[in-house]
Amino acid sequence: MKKTLLFSFITVFTLLSRANFNTDTSKYKAETSVIKADADNAGLILPGGFGALKVATGLGEARHITVTLQGDIYVKLSNVYKGKTIYYLHDNNSDGRAEVQTGFGNYTGTGIAVKNGYLYASSDEEVFRYKLNAGNKVINPEKPEKIITGLLSRHQHESKSIALDNEGNIYVNIGAYSNSCQEKDRSKGSMGIMPCPILDSAGGIWKFKADKLNQTYGDGTRYATGLRNVVGLDWNNTTNSLFVMQHGRDGLHDLFPDLYDTKQSAELPAECMYELKQGVNCGWPYIYYDHIQRKKIINPEYGGDGKKTTTENIIDPVAAFPGHMAPNGLLFYTGNMFPEKYKNGAFIAFHGSWNRSPEPQKGYFVAFVPFKDGKPSGDWEIFADNFAGGEAFVSPSKAKHRPCGLAQGPDGSLYISDDSGGTIYRIIYTGK
């Protein structure tokens, strides 16, 4: 009899819990269904049927972002804003704008993510985590746990972007503190060091445990090497693998003017998307990828002339884009709001170039790559444009906004951060 009563109680409690969960979810969907885009689509140019609104403005240097199941936003800043470097944003009246903006943390950086009851955030040398409550709010914002410490930071490609898989691992970019591992970095005609000593502790992705405190290099695994710098990365649940966007090297003409003209130097090398498996080599600093020739070209620092290719054990990118557009955000879209063509495809936030002169700067938009069966299935296209505003320009200081981070809301909205104007954008689909 007691067992029967206990079973009945558990059953009723479970049903009530599920009912409450479903009610909360329905409420969120009902609230988001009435969200309206700004009259000018927040200044963006979008495909037909899409609209945009500004969730928040003036947040300083807003880098990566993450959105909870409740639709709240966490933003990581690369500079202090009102004394804090992480901001929690909440929409109080269901109009799509964040009336509540609460800051915490005192370390700058880029990476941020919510996973399995924790908020993860990175500085340029460490990775922290914060315990979340049932509503995905940080319980003790002033006392995070330090899970990784002592990562290399030499003030060049120092940001530590992060991604988490579904098996309790966290992946951290450790960028190379160099352009092409020259004997004299960024010096005209200087040759490359062979082998490049930087690859021992940087220039790749490191894998750590997401729940182990105070890890250092010795506790982690060099998961992939030969990556000059990765800011945008995401775990693809369809392929169960890590995808990254590499920032290609600079200065082909400035360093080797006899081999490259200014036009070639503006377009090369490609900004590349790689799918990573443990142990792969993407080739930096020995090669770059030429998206025009569709070949892996030996860098001039290592005896290349713009034509010599390599057959070394270096993987090919899965997608390639024009040079120097700075891909800072990567997101595989799994929502149901957008049309079917976007399902499981990749959005990429191109932060915008600085070193294409005398050619006009390029980037400052969010691109989309369609995927099918875990691979690109068509050409990339510009999805959201006009962040920079105005006509073509040579000086990157002319850009009003620069997209950086990407996140998906529980209703399928796409969120974009801007580390130039401190704006958080939200893109919604409004019709056919």
Protein backbone atom coordinates (compact mmCIF):
# COMPACT_ATOMS: atom_id res chain seq x y z
CA MET A 1 0.00 0.00 0.00
CA LYS A 2 2.80 2.40 0.92
CA LYS A 3 4.63 1.57 -2.30
CA THR A 4 1.44 2.24 -4.29
CA LEU A 5 0.92 5.61 -2.59
CA LEU A 6 4.59 6.52 -3.11
CA PHE A 7 4.40 5.56 -6.79
CA SER A 8 1.23 7.64 -7.21
CA PHE A 9 2.86 10.63 -5.55
CA ILE A 10 5.94 10.39 -7.78
CA THR A 11 3.77 10.04 -10.88
CA VAL A 12 1.68 13.11 -10.00
CA PHE A 13 4.79 15.12 -9.10
CA THR A 14 6.44 14.20 -12.40
CA LEU A 15 3.37 15.15 -14.41
CA LEU A 16 3.07 18.46 -12.60
CA SER A 17 6.77 19.17 -13.19
CA ARG A 18 6.39 18.42 -16.88
CA ALA A 19 3.27 20.54 -17.03
CA ASN A 20 5.11 23.46 -15.47
CA PHE A 21 8.01 23.03 -17.89
CA ASN A 22 5.67 22.88 -20.88
CA THR A 23 3.77 25.93 -19.62
CA ASP A 24 7.00 27.89 -19.29
CA THR A 25 8.10 26.86 -22.77
CA SER A 26 4.73 27.72 -24.30
CA LYS A 27 4.81 31.07 -22.55
CA TYR A 28 8.24 31.81 -23.99
CA LYS A 29 7.11 30.82 -27.48
CA ALA A 30 3.98 32.93 -27.14
CA GLU A 31 6.04 35.91 -26.02
CA THR A 32 8.60 35.59 -28.79
CA SER A 33 5.93 35.09 -31.46
CA VAL A 34 4.87 38.73 -31.03
CA ILE A 35 8.39 40.18 -31.19
CA LYS A 36 8.55 42.79 -33.95
CA ALA A 37 11.56 43.83 -36.00
CA ASP A 38 12.73 47.44 -35.93
CA ALA A 39 11.26 49.53 -38.72
CA ASP A 40 14.68 49.78 -40.37
CA ASN A 41 15.70 46.19 -39.46
CA ALA A 42 18.26 47.65 -37.05
CA GLY A 43 20.09 49.10 -40.06
CA LEU A 44 20.85 45.67 -41.53
CA ILE A 45 20.29 44.32 -45.02
CA LEU A 46 18.69 40.85 -44.84
CA PRO A 47 17.09 38.29 -47.17
CA GLY A 48 13.38 38.65 -47.81
CA GLY A 49 11.16 37.52 -44.95
CA PHE A 50 13.72 38.32 -42.24
CA GLY A 51 13.73 41.17 -39.77
CA ALA A 52 16.12 42.47 -37.13
CA LEU A 53 15.94 44.40 -33.89
CA LYS A 54 18.45 45.77 -31.42
CA VAL A 55 18.27 43.91 -28.12
CA ALA A 56 20.83 46.16 -26.42
CA THR A 57 23.21 48.95 -27.37
CA GLY A 58 26.29 50.60 -25.92
CA LEU A 59 27.71 47.49 -24.24
CA GLY A 60 31.29 48.30 -25.10
CA GLU A 61 33.43 45.64 -26.79
CA ALA A 62 30.90 42.80 -26.87
CA ARG A 63 32.67 39.66 -28.07
CA HIS A 64 31.06 36.21 -27.89
CA ILE A 65 27.53 35.61 -26.58
CA THR A 66 25.38 32.71 -25.43
CA VAL A 67 21.61 32.44 -24.96
CA THR A 68 19.89 30.27 -22.34
CA LEU A 69 16.80 28.10 -22.73
CA GLN A 70 14.86 30.91 -21.08
CA GLY A 71 15.97 33.40 -23.73
CA ASP A 72 18.38 35.34 -21.49
CA ILE A 73 21.75 36.41 -22.84
CA TYR A 74 25.29 36.35 -21.44
CA VAL A 75 27.84 38.59 -23.18
CA LYS A 76 31.64 38.48 -22.77
CA LEU A 77 33.50 41.78 -23.12
CA SER A 78 37.09 42.34 -24.21
CA ASN A 79 37.25 45.55 -22.20
CA VAL A 80 35.73 46.73 -18.94
CA TYR A 81 32.30 48.34 -19.20
CA LYS A 82 31.01 50.06 -16.06
CA GLY A 83 33.50 48.06 -14.04
CA LYS A 84 32.39 44.62 -15.30
CA THR A 85 33.29 42.25 -18.15
CA ILE A 86 30.35 39.81 -18.36
CA TYR A 87 26.78 41.02 -18.80
CA TYR A 88 23.51 39.22 -18.17
CA LEU A 89 20.66 40.56 -20.33
CA HIS A 90 16.99 39.93 -19.63
CA ASP A 91 13.83 41.04 -21.43
CA ASN A 92 11.38 42.14 -18.72
CA ASN A 93 8.31 42.95 -20.81
CA SER A 94 8.54 40.59 -23.80
CA ASP A 95 9.26 43.32 -26.35
CA GLY A 96 12.57 41.76 -27.44
CA ARG A 97 14.73 44.41 -25.73
CA ALA A 98 16.89 43.77 -22.69
CA GLU A 99 15.72 46.15 -19.98
CA VAL A 100 17.76 44.28 -17.36
CA GLN A 101 21.53 44.52 -17.87
CA THR A 102 23.53 43.17 -14.93
CA GLY A 103 27.33 43.01 -14.97
CA PHE A 104 29.76 40.79 -13.07
CA GLY A 105 33.33 39.54 -13.42
CA ASN A 106 36.48 41.62 -13.73
CA TYR A 107 38.54 39.79 -16.37
CA THR A 108 38.47 40.66 -20.06
CA GLY A 109 38.34 38.06 -22.81
CA THR A 110 36.23 36.54 -25.58
CA GLY A 111 34.87 33.04 -24.90
CA ILE A 112 31.53 32.29 -23.27
CA ALA A 113 29.12 29.33 -23.34
CA VAL A 114 26.31 27.69 -21.35
CA LYS A 115 26.40 23.90 -20.97
CA ASN A 116 25.02 21.34 -18.51
CA GLY A 117 24.17 23.75 -15.72
CA TYR A 118 27.27 25.94 -15.96
CA LEU A 119 28.29 29.20 -17.59
CA TYR A 120 31.83 29.00 -18.99
CA ALA A 121 33.88 32.13 -19.69
CA SER A 122 37.49 32.80 -20.60
CA SER A 123 40.14 35.43 -20.06
CA ASP A 124 43.24 35.49 -22.24
CA GLU A 125 45.00 33.04 -19.90
CA GLU A 126 42.30 31.15 -18.00
CA VAL A 127 38.88 29.53 -18.28
CA PHE A 128 36.27 29.81 -15.51
CA ARG A 129 32.84 28.32 -14.84
CA TYR A 130 29.84 29.51 -12.83
CA LYS A 131 27.12 27.26 -11.42
CA LEU A 132 23.65 28.09 -12.76
CA ASN A 133 20.27 27.68 -11.06
CA ALA A 134 17.22 26.03 -12.67
CA GLY A 135 16.52 29.24 -14.56
CA ASN A 136 20.09 29.33 -15.94
CA LYS A 137 21.07 32.34 -13.84
CA VAL A 138 24.50 32.47 -12.22
CA ILE A 139 24.23 31.56 -8.53
CA ASN A 140 27.43 33.18 -7.23
CA PRO A 141 28.82 35.63 -9.81
CA GLU A 142 31.74 36.73 -7.66
CA LYS A 143 33.15 33.25 -7.02
CA PRO A 144 33.68 31.30 -10.26
CA GLU A 145 35.60 28.04 -10.35
CA LYS A 146 38.87 28.14 -12.26
CA ILE A 147 39.05 25.08 -14.52
CA ILE A 148 42.04 25.97 -16.74
CA THR A 149 44.97 28.22 -15.89
CA GLY A 150 48.36 29.27 -17.23
CA LEU A 151 47.49 29.41 -20.94
CA LEU A 152 49.97 31.22 -23.13
CA SER A 153 49.23 34.89 -23.88
CA ARG A 154 51.81 37.11 -25.54
CA HIS A 155 49.50 39.90 -26.71
CA GLN A 156 49.11 38.67 -30.27
CA HIS A 157 46.15 36.41 -31.09
CA GLU A 158 45.68 36.07 -27.34
CA SER A 159 41.90 35.57 -27.08
CA LYS A 160 40.85 32.13 -25.82
CA SER A 161 37.67 31.15 -27.66
CA ILE A 162 35.92 28.04 -26.37
CA ALA A 163 33.48 25.29 -27.41
CA LEU A 164 32.10 22.26 -25.57
CA ASP A 165 31.15 18.82 -26.85
CA ASN A 166 28.53 16.45 -25.41
CA GLU A 167 30.98 14.21 -23.57
CA GLY A 168 32.30 16.59 -20.93
CA ASN A 169 35.17 18.18 -22.86
CA ILE A 170 36.01 21.81 -23.53
CA TYR A 171 38.09 22.99 -26.50
CA VAL A 172 40.24 26.12 -26.26
CA ASN A 173 41.95 28.07 -29.02
CA ILE A 174 45.53 29.04 -28.25
CA GLY A 175 46.56 31.39 -31.05
CA ALA A 176 50.10 31.74 -32.36
CA TYR A 177 51.95 34.81 -31.13
CA SER A 178 53.30 35.32 -34.64
CA ASN A 179 52.27 35.98 -38.21
CA SER A 180 54.25 33.22 -39.92
CA CYS A 181 56.92 32.05 -37.43
CA GLN A 182 59.69 34.14 -39.00
CA GLU A 183 63.10 34.56 -37.43
CA LYS A 184 62.11 38.23 -37.11
CA ASP A 185 58.34 38.42 -36.93
CA ARG A 186 56.69 40.55 -39.61
CA SER A 187 60.08 41.61 -41.02
CA LYS A 188 60.58 41.94 -44.77
CA GLY A 189 62.30 38.91 -46.27
CA SER A 190 62.86 37.15 -42.93
CA MET A 191 62.70 33.38 -43.33
CA GLY A 192 60.68 30.95 -41.24
CA ILE A 193 62.00 28.89 -38.35
CA MET A 194 62.01 25.16 -39.08
CA PRO A 195 60.48 23.49 -37.17
CA CYS A 196 58.35 26.27 -35.73
CA PRO A 197 58.82 26.21 -31.91
CA ILE A 198 55.54 28.09 -31.32
CA LEU A 199 53.57 24.94 -32.12
CA ASP A 200 54.65 23.35 -28.84
CA SER A 201 52.33 25.57 -26.81
CA ALA A 202 50.23 27.60 -29.29
CA GLY A 203 48.96 27.65 -32.86
CA GLY A 204 46.24 25.06 -32.28
CA ILE A 205 43.27 23.79 -30.31
CA TRP A 206 43.71 22.22 -26.87
CA LYS A 207 41.19 19.85 -25.27
CA PHE A 208 40.49 19.80 -21.51
CA LYS A 209 37.91 18.35 -19.12
CA ALA A 210 34.97 20.67 -18.52
CA ASP A 211 34.58 19.63 -14.87
CA LYS A 212 38.16 19.44 -13.58
CA LEU A 213 39.59 22.38 -11.64
CA ASN A 214 42.98 24.09 -12.11
CA GLN A 215 44.08 22.25 -15.23
CA THR A 216 47.23 23.33 -17.07
CA TYR A 217 48.82 22.29 -20.37
CA GLY A 218 49.88 18.98 -18.89
CA ASP A 219 46.27 18.06 -18.13
CA GLY A 220 45.08 18.86 -21.63
CA THR A 221 45.64 17.42 -25.10
CA ARG A 222 46.84 19.26 -28.16
CA TYR A 223 43.77 18.33 -30.17
CA ALA A 224 44.75 19.97 -33.48
CA THR A 225 47.80 21.90 -34.65
CA GLY A 226 48.79 24.21 -37.49
CA LEU A 227 46.13 26.85 -36.81
CA ARG A 228 47.44 30.41 -36.71
CA ASN A 229 44.43 31.76 -34.82
CA VAL A 230 40.85 30.64 -34.30
CA VAL A 231 38.24 32.98 -32.85
CA GLY A 232 35.08 31.37 -34.23
CA LEU A 233 34.46 27.70 -33.42
CA ASP A 234 31.42 25.48 -32.76
CA TRP A 235 30.63 21.87 -31.97
CA ASN A 236 28.57 20.32 -34.77
CA ASN A 237 26.03 17.89 -33.29
CA THR A 238 25.22 16.41 -36.71
CA THR A 239 28.79 15.28 -37.35
CA ASN A 240 29.77 15.06 -33.67
CA SER A 241 32.91 17.03 -34.42
CA LEU A 242 34.54 20.42 -33.89
CA PHE A 243 34.54 23.02 -36.68
CA VAL A 244 36.75 26.11 -36.59
CA MET A 245 37.41 29.25 -38.65
CA GLN A 246 41.07 30.19 -39.06
CA HIS A 247 42.39 33.72 -39.49
CA GLY A 248 44.88 33.52 -42.34
CA ARG A 249 48.33 35.09 -42.30
CA ASP A 250 49.07 38.71 -43.26
CA GLY A 251 51.58 40.65 -45.32
CA LEU A 252 52.39 38.57 -48.41
CA HIS A 253 53.20 41.71 -50.42
CA ASP A 254 54.75 43.70 -47.57
CA LEU A 255 57.09 40.86 -46.62
CA PHE A 256 57.77 39.44 -50.10
CA PRO A 257 57.02 42.16 -52.68
CA ASP A 258 58.92 40.33 -55.42
CA LEU A 259 56.46 37.43 -55.23
CA TYR A 260 53.09 39.09 -54.50
CA ASP A 261 51.45 42.31 -55.66
CA THR A 262 49.02 44.32 -53.51
CA LYS A 263 45.94 42.77 -55.14
CA GLN A 264 47.14 39.22 -54.44
CA SER A 265 48.08 40.19 -50.89
CA ALA A 266 44.59 41.63 -50.31
CA GLU A 267 42.83 38.45 -51.43
CA LEU A 268 45.25 35.83 -50.07
CA PRO A 269 45.40 33.63 -48.19
CA ALA A 270 41.90 32.28 -47.73
CA GLU A 271 40.04 32.42 -44.43
CA CYS A 272 39.31 28.72 -43.91
CA MET A 273 36.76 26.52 -42.21
CA TYR A 274 38.18 23.22 -40.95
CA GLU A 275 36.53 20.15 -39.48
CA LEU A 276 38.87 18.85 -36.79
CA LYS A 277 39.54 15.33 -35.62
CA GLN A 278 42.08 14.64 -32.90
CA GLY A 279 45.66 14.89 -34.17
CA VAL A 280 45.03 16.73 -37.45
CA ASN A 281 47.43 19.33 -38.86
CA CYS A 282 46.06 22.38 -40.70
CA GLY A 283 49.47 23.50 -41.94
CA TRP A 284 50.39 26.84 -40.35
CA PRO A 285 53.02 28.28 -40.64
CA TYR A 286 54.37 26.14 -43.47
CA ILE A 287 51.49 26.55 -45.92
CA TYR A 288 48.44 28.67 -46.66
CA TYR A 289 45.31 27.81 -48.62
CA ASP A 290 44.69 29.60 -51.94
CA HIS A 291 40.94 29.62 -52.60
CA ILE A 292 41.49 30.82 -56.18
CA GLN A 293 43.83 27.97 -57.17
CA ARG A 294 42.14 25.66 -54.63
CA LYS A 295 45.53 24.44 -53.49
CA LYS A 296 47.72 24.31 -50.39
CA ILE A 297 50.57 26.70 -51.18
CA ILE A 298 53.96 26.67 -49.47
CA ASN A 299 54.54 29.94 -47.61
CA PRO A 300 57.36 32.14 -48.95
CA GLU A 301 59.10 31.98 -45.57
CA TYR A 302 59.57 28.25 -46.24
CA GLY A 303 60.65 28.44 -49.88
CA GLY A 304 57.33 29.02 -51.63
CA ASP A 305 56.78 31.30 -54.61
CA GLY A 306 53.00 31.52 -54.74
CA LYS A 307 52.74 28.40 -56.91
CA LYS A 308 54.57 25.58 -55.13
CA THR A 309 52.17 23.16 -53.51
CA THR A 310 52.66 20.49 -50.86
CA THR A 311 51.63 16.86 -50.45
CA GLU A 312 52.44 16.79 -46.74
CA ASN A 313 49.94 15.30 -44.27
CA ILE A 314 47.93 18.51 -43.97
CA ILE A 315 44.14 18.50 -44.16
CA ASP A 316 42.10 20.52 -46.65
CA PRO A 317 39.54 23.08 -45.48
CA VAL A 318 35.86 22.22 -45.91
CA ALA A 319 35.16 25.80 -47.05
CA ALA A 320 37.29 28.81 -47.98
CA PHE A 321 36.62 32.54 -48.20
CA PRO A 322 38.50 35.64 -49.46
CA GLY A 323 41.38 36.77 -47.30
CA HIS A 324 41.53 39.09 -44.30
CA MET A 325 37.81 39.19 -43.47
CA ALA A 326 38.44 37.95 -39.89
CA PRO A 327 35.89 35.21 -39.13
CA ASN A 328 35.18 35.73 -35.42
CA GLY A 329 31.99 33.75 -34.92
CA LEU A 330 30.74 30.33 -36.07
CA LEU A 331 27.33 28.79 -35.38
CA PHE A 332 25.59 25.72 -36.75
CA TYR A 333 21.89 26.53 -36.92
CA THR A 334 19.58 23.88 -35.45
CA GLY A 335 16.46 25.98 -34.88
CA ASN A 336 13.04 25.74 -36.49
CA MET A 337 12.22 29.41 -37.03
CA PHE A 338 14.21 29.92 -40.23
CA PRO A 339 13.31 28.24 -43.56
CA GLU A 340 14.50 24.67 -44.16
CA LYS A 341 17.55 25.70 -46.23
CA TYR A 342 19.18 27.05 -43.06
CA LYS A 343 18.75 23.88 -41.00
CA ASN A 344 22.17 22.55 -39.86
CA GLY A 345 23.94 25.15 -42.00
CA ALA A 346 26.75 27.40 -40.76
CA PHE A 347 26.53 31.09 -39.96
CA ILE A 348 29.85 32.95 -39.84
CA ALA A 349 30.41 36.43 -38.40
CA PHE A 350 33.13 38.20 -40.38
CA HIS A 351 34.54 40.90 -38.13
CA GLY A 352 36.09 42.81 -41.03
CA SER A 353 39.58 43.38 -42.35
CA TRP A 354 42.26 45.92 -41.56
CA ASN A 355 45.10 45.00 -43.95
CA ARG A 356 43.69 44.98 -47.50
CA SER A 357 44.95 48.48 -48.34
CA PRO A 358 45.09 49.95 -50.96
CA GLU A 359 42.09 47.74 -51.80
CA PRO A 360 38.81 48.49 -49.98
CA GLN A 361 38.30 46.66 -46.70
CA LYS A 362 36.06 43.59 -46.81
CA GLY A 363 33.89 41.61 -44.44
CA TYR A 364 31.74 43.28 -41.74
CA PHE A 365 28.87 40.88 -42.46
CA VAL A 366 27.38 37.54 -41.43
CA ALA A 367 27.65 34.82 -44.08
CA PHE A 368 25.79 31.55 -44.46
CA VAL A 369 27.01 28.19 -45.79
CA PRO A 370 24.37 25.51 -46.51
CA PHE A 371 25.19 22.02 -45.20
CA LYS A 372 23.87 18.57 -46.04
CA ASP A 373 25.01 15.34 -44.40
CA GLY A 374 27.62 17.26 -42.45
CA LYS A 375 29.30 18.90 -45.45
CA PRO A 376 28.86 22.18 -47.35
CA SER A 377 26.23 21.66 -50.04
CA GLY A 378 26.42 24.95 -51.92
CA ASP A 379 28.18 28.30 -52.26
CA TRP A 380 28.38 30.66 -49.32
CA GLU A 381 26.26 33.81 -49.35
CA ILE A 382 26.00 37.05 -47.41
CA PHE A 383 23.11 36.73 -44.97
CA ALA A 384 23.25 39.95 -42.89
CA ASP A 385 25.06 43.02 -44.21
CA ASN A 386 25.57 46.76 -43.63
CA PHE A 387 27.01 46.52 -40.12
CA ALA A 388 29.80 48.87 -41.16
CA GLY A 389 27.39 51.32 -42.83
CA GLY A 390 28.02 53.56 -45.80
CA GLU A 391 30.09 53.01 -48.89
CA ALA A 392 33.32 51.07 -49.40
CA PHE A 393 36.25 52.35 -47.33
CA VAL A 394 39.98 51.78 -46.96
CA SER A 395 40.35 52.59 -43.25
CA PRO A 396 38.71 50.04 -40.90
CA SER A 397 38.05 52.85 -38.41
CA LYS A 398 35.18 53.87 -40.69
CA ALA A 399 33.17 50.79 -39.68
CA LYS A 400 30.30 51.70 -37.33
CA HIS A 401 29.70 48.13 -36.19
CA ARG A 402 31.68 44.90 -36.48
CA PRO A 403 29.94 41.53 -35.99
CA CYS A 404 31.79 39.20 -33.65
CA GLY A 405 29.76 36.56 -31.79
CA LEU A 406 26.78 34.39 -32.75
CA ALA A 407 24.18 32.55 -30.69
CA GLN A 408 20.84 30.83 -31.25
CA GLY A 409 17.80 31.57 -29.13
CA PRO A 410 15.38 28.86 -27.94
CA ASP A 411 12.81 30.04 -30.49
CA GLY A 412 15.34 29.86 -33.34
CA SER A 413 16.25 33.55 -33.42
CA LEU A 414 19.84 34.40 -34.40
CA TYR A 415 21.74 36.74 -32.08
CA ILE A 416 24.79 38.73 -33.19
CA SER A 417 27.17 40.75 -31.04
CA ASP A 418 29.14 43.79 -32.17
CA ASP A 419 32.41 44.70 -30.48
CA SER A 420 32.70 48.11 -32.09
CA GLY A 421 29.38 49.71 -31.18
CA GLY A 422 28.42 47.33 -28.39
CA THR A 423 25.13 46.35 -30.03
CA ILE A 424 23.35 43.01 -29.64
CA TYR A 425 21.20 42.22 -32.70
CA ARG A 426 18.43 39.67 -32.97
CA ILE A 427 17.33 38.34 -36.36
CA ILE A 428 13.89 36.78 -36.72
CA TYR A 429 12.00 35.24 -39.61
CA THR A 430 8.75 37.06 -40.23
CA GLY A 431 7.27 35.50 -43.36
CA LYS A 432 7.75 33.71 -46.67
